[in-house]
Amino acid sequence: MITAISLLVIGLLAIFLEFFLPGGILGMIGAFFVLASIISFAADSDSFILTVAYIIIVSVAVGLLIKFALWRIQHGKLGSTVYSNSDQEGYTASAWDTTLVGKDGVVSTDLKPCGHVTIASKKYSAISQSGYITKGDPIVVVGGEGDTLIVKKLTQGN
């Protein structure tokens, strides 16, 4: 019985430390010790009901430990954990220049539907909104996605 409880304490400690020293190894060791604790208790106990009760108690203890560890991470001193307490905005790899909407340019390479356009002597990656546009044709910027402009062919009526 003492062996089972000792294994359980070691397992719970390892699981708790896993939250502050990420990598997975302490969590696996903790799970192994908790499982060994259950097996040890079942081997020492003659009662099936006591074994089931021990399993339930261990499950509740692991759940409460996880809840406490998460609470500790959120309410710990700033900088005392590897987790950030402040809100963070998502990373944007690139963005298209929104000021170019409505500006005219010229197709630098055939847009099939992707290619390059030149607007105000600067080259941009672009996608044709309406299919193939040949090199040298005039275009107008209608939007963008990522770092690519969305363009359409400029006709006499536009």
Protein backbone atom coordinates (compact mmCIF):
# COMPACT_ATOMS: atom_id res chain seq x y z
CA MET A 1 0.00 0.00 0.00
CA ILE A 2 2.83 2.41 0.86
CA THR A 3 4.55 1.47 -2.41
CA ALA A 4 1.43 2.38 -4.39
CA ILE A 5 1.08 5.74 -2.67
CA SER A 6 4.81 6.49 -3.10
CA LEU A 7 4.60 5.71 -6.81
CA LEU A 8 1.50 7.90 -7.08
CA VAL A 9 3.22 10.87 -5.39
CA ILE A 10 6.26 10.54 -7.69
CA GLY A 11 3.97 10.30 -10.73
CA LEU A 12 1.91 13.33 -9.75
CA LEU A 13 5.07 15.34 -9.08
CA ALA A 14 6.47 14.44 -12.51
CA ILE A 15 3.19 15.37 -14.21
CA PHE A 16 3.13 18.70 -12.37
CA LEU A 17 6.72 19.48 -13.37
CA GLU A 18 5.88 18.69 -17.00
CA PHE A 19 3.82 21.88 -17.13
CA PHE A 20 6.86 23.99 -16.28
CA LEU A 21 9.55 21.98 -18.08
CA PRO A 22 7.89 21.06 -21.39
CA GLY A 23 9.22 18.26 -23.53
CA GLY A 24 6.95 15.33 -22.78
CA ILE A 25 9.45 13.15 -20.93
CA LEU A 26 8.33 14.09 -17.41
CA GLY A 27 4.70 13.63 -18.42
CA MET A 28 5.41 10.13 -19.74
CA ILE A 29 7.41 9.25 -16.63
CA GLY A 30 4.58 10.59 -14.47
CA ALA A 31 1.99 8.56 -16.37
CA PHE A 32 4.17 5.45 -15.99
CA PHE A 33 4.44 5.96 -12.21
CA VAL A 34 0.70 6.62 -11.85
CA LEU A 35 -0.05 3.44 -13.81
CA ALA A 36 2.50 1.51 -11.73
CA SER A 37 0.80 2.85 -8.61
CA ILE A 38 -2.58 1.53 -9.77
CA ILE A 39 -1.09 -1.87 -10.64
CA SER A 40 0.73 -2.02 -7.31
CA PHE A 41 -2.44 -1.15 -5.41
CA ALA A 42 -4.46 -3.72 -7.35
CA ALA A 43 -1.85 -6.41 -6.65
CA ASP A 44 -1.83 -5.65 -2.90
CA SER A 45 -5.60 -5.27 -2.51
CA ASP A 46 -7.97 -8.19 -2.19
CA SER A 47 -11.05 -6.09 -2.86
CA PHE A 48 -12.21 -5.20 -6.34
CA ILE A 49 -14.28 -2.31 -4.99
CA LEU A 50 -11.24 -0.78 -3.25
CA THR A 51 -9.23 -1.05 -6.46
CA VAL A 52 -11.97 0.71 -8.45
CA ALA A 53 -12.22 3.38 -5.73
CA TYR A 54 -8.43 3.86 -5.88
CA ILE A 55 -8.57 4.26 -9.66
CA ILE A 56 -11.32 6.88 -9.28
CA ILE A 57 -9.35 8.72 -6.59
CA VAL A 58 -6.21 8.68 -8.75
CA SER A 59 -8.17 9.98 -11.75
CA VAL A 60 -9.64 12.82 -9.70
CA ALA A 61 -6.19 13.61 -8.25
CA VAL A 62 -4.64 13.81 -11.74
CA GLY A 63 -7.49 16.04 -12.92
CA LEU A 64 -7.17 18.37 -9.94
CA LEU A 65 -3.39 18.45 -10.36
CA ILE A 66 -3.73 19.49 -14.01
CA LYS A 67 -6.28 22.15 -13.07
CA PHE A 68 -3.97 23.46 -10.33
CA ALA A 69 -0.95 23.50 -12.67
CA LEU A 70 -2.87 25.49 -15.29
CA TRP A 71 -4.09 27.90 -12.60
CA ARG A 72 -0.52 28.25 -11.33
CA ILE A 73 0.72 29.08 -14.82
CA GLN A 74 -1.94 31.78 -15.28
CA HIS A 75 -1.51 33.35 -11.84
CA GLY A 76 2.24 32.95 -11.38
CA LYS A 77 4.69 35.85 -11.28
CA LEU A 78 5.28 37.53 -14.62
CA GLY A 79 8.28 35.94 -16.25
CA SER A 80 8.36 32.94 -13.92
CA THR A 81 7.02 30.55 -16.57
CA VAL A 82 7.71 29.87 -20.22
CA TYR A 83 4.18 31.04 -21.06
CA SER A 84 3.24 34.61 -21.95
CA ASN A 85 0.58 36.35 -19.88
CA SER A 86 -0.11 39.08 -22.40
CA ASP A 87 -2.35 38.91 -25.43
CA GLN A 88 -0.49 38.45 -28.67
CA GLU A 89 -1.52 39.24 -32.20
CA GLY A 90 -1.02 36.64 -34.88
CA TYR A 91 2.01 36.76 -37.13
CA THR A 92 1.48 38.02 -40.65
CA ALA A 93 4.15 36.92 -43.11
CA SER A 94 3.29 39.59 -45.65
CA ALA A 95 0.55 41.95 -46.64
CA TRP A 96 -0.43 43.73 -49.82
CA ASP A 97 -0.37 47.51 -50.10
CA THR A 98 -3.98 48.64 -49.69
CA THR A 99 -3.18 52.10 -51.05
CA LEU A 100 -2.78 50.57 -54.52
CA VAL A 101 -6.51 49.79 -54.93
CA GLY A 102 -7.82 51.69 -57.94
CA LYS A 103 -4.34 52.51 -59.30
CA ASP A 104 -3.47 51.76 -62.91
CA GLY A 105 -0.45 49.81 -64.08
CA VAL A 106 0.97 47.66 -66.87
CA VAL A 107 1.41 43.89 -67.02
CA SER A 108 5.16 43.07 -66.83
CA THR A 109 4.79 39.34 -67.49
CA ASP A 110 1.82 37.46 -68.90
CA LEU A 111 -0.79 36.89 -66.17
CA LYS A 112 -1.83 33.23 -66.56
CA PRO A 113 -3.48 34.11 -64.10
CA CYS A 114 -0.35 34.86 -61.98
CA GLY A 115 2.57 37.05 -62.91
CA HIS A 116 3.94 40.53 -62.32
CA VAL A 117 2.65 44.02 -62.89
CA THR A 118 4.34 47.42 -62.76
CA ILE A 119 2.60 50.26 -60.94
CA ALA A 120 4.33 53.64 -60.58
CA SER A 121 7.69 52.14 -61.70
CA LYS A 122 7.53 49.42 -59.03
CA LYS A 123 7.07 45.70 -59.75
CA TYR A 124 4.43 43.68 -57.84
CA SER A 125 3.25 40.09 -57.83
CA ALA A 126 -0.30 39.89 -59.15
CA ILE A 127 -3.18 37.56 -59.98
CA SER A 128 -5.65 38.29 -62.73
CA GLN A 129 -9.25 38.44 -61.58
CA SER A 130 -10.57 37.39 -64.97
CA GLY A 131 -8.09 34.98 -66.53
CA TYR A 132 -5.26 35.56 -69.01
CA ILE A 133 -3.86 39.06 -69.53
CA THR A 134 -0.95 39.56 -71.93
CA LYS A 135 2.27 41.45 -71.27
CA GLY A 136 1.95 45.20 -71.87
CA ASP A 137 -1.81 45.39 -71.29
CA PRO A 138 -3.08 48.08 -68.89
CA ILE A 139 -4.55 46.89 -65.57
CA VAL A 140 -6.23 48.31 -62.49
CA VAL A 141 -5.80 46.99 -58.93
CA VAL A 142 -9.06 45.74 -57.40
CA GLY A 143 -7.78 44.08 -54.22
CA GLY A 144 -5.16 41.79 -52.79
CA GLU A 145 -4.44 38.66 -50.80
CA GLY A 146 -1.29 37.92 -48.84
CA ASP A 147 1.43 39.83 -50.66
CA THR A 148 -0.22 39.50 -54.09
CA LEU A 149 -2.36 42.09 -55.82
CA ILE A 150 -5.59 41.15 -57.55
CA VAL A 151 -5.93 43.01 -60.84
CA LYS A 152 -8.28 43.21 -63.80
CA LYS A 153 -7.68 44.34 -67.36
CA LEU A 154 -8.34 47.99 -67.92
CA THR A 155 -10.67 48.47 -70.88
CA GLN A 156 -11.95 51.60 -72.65
CA GLY A 157 -15.19 51.57 -70.58
CA ASN A 158 -13.45 51.43 -67.12
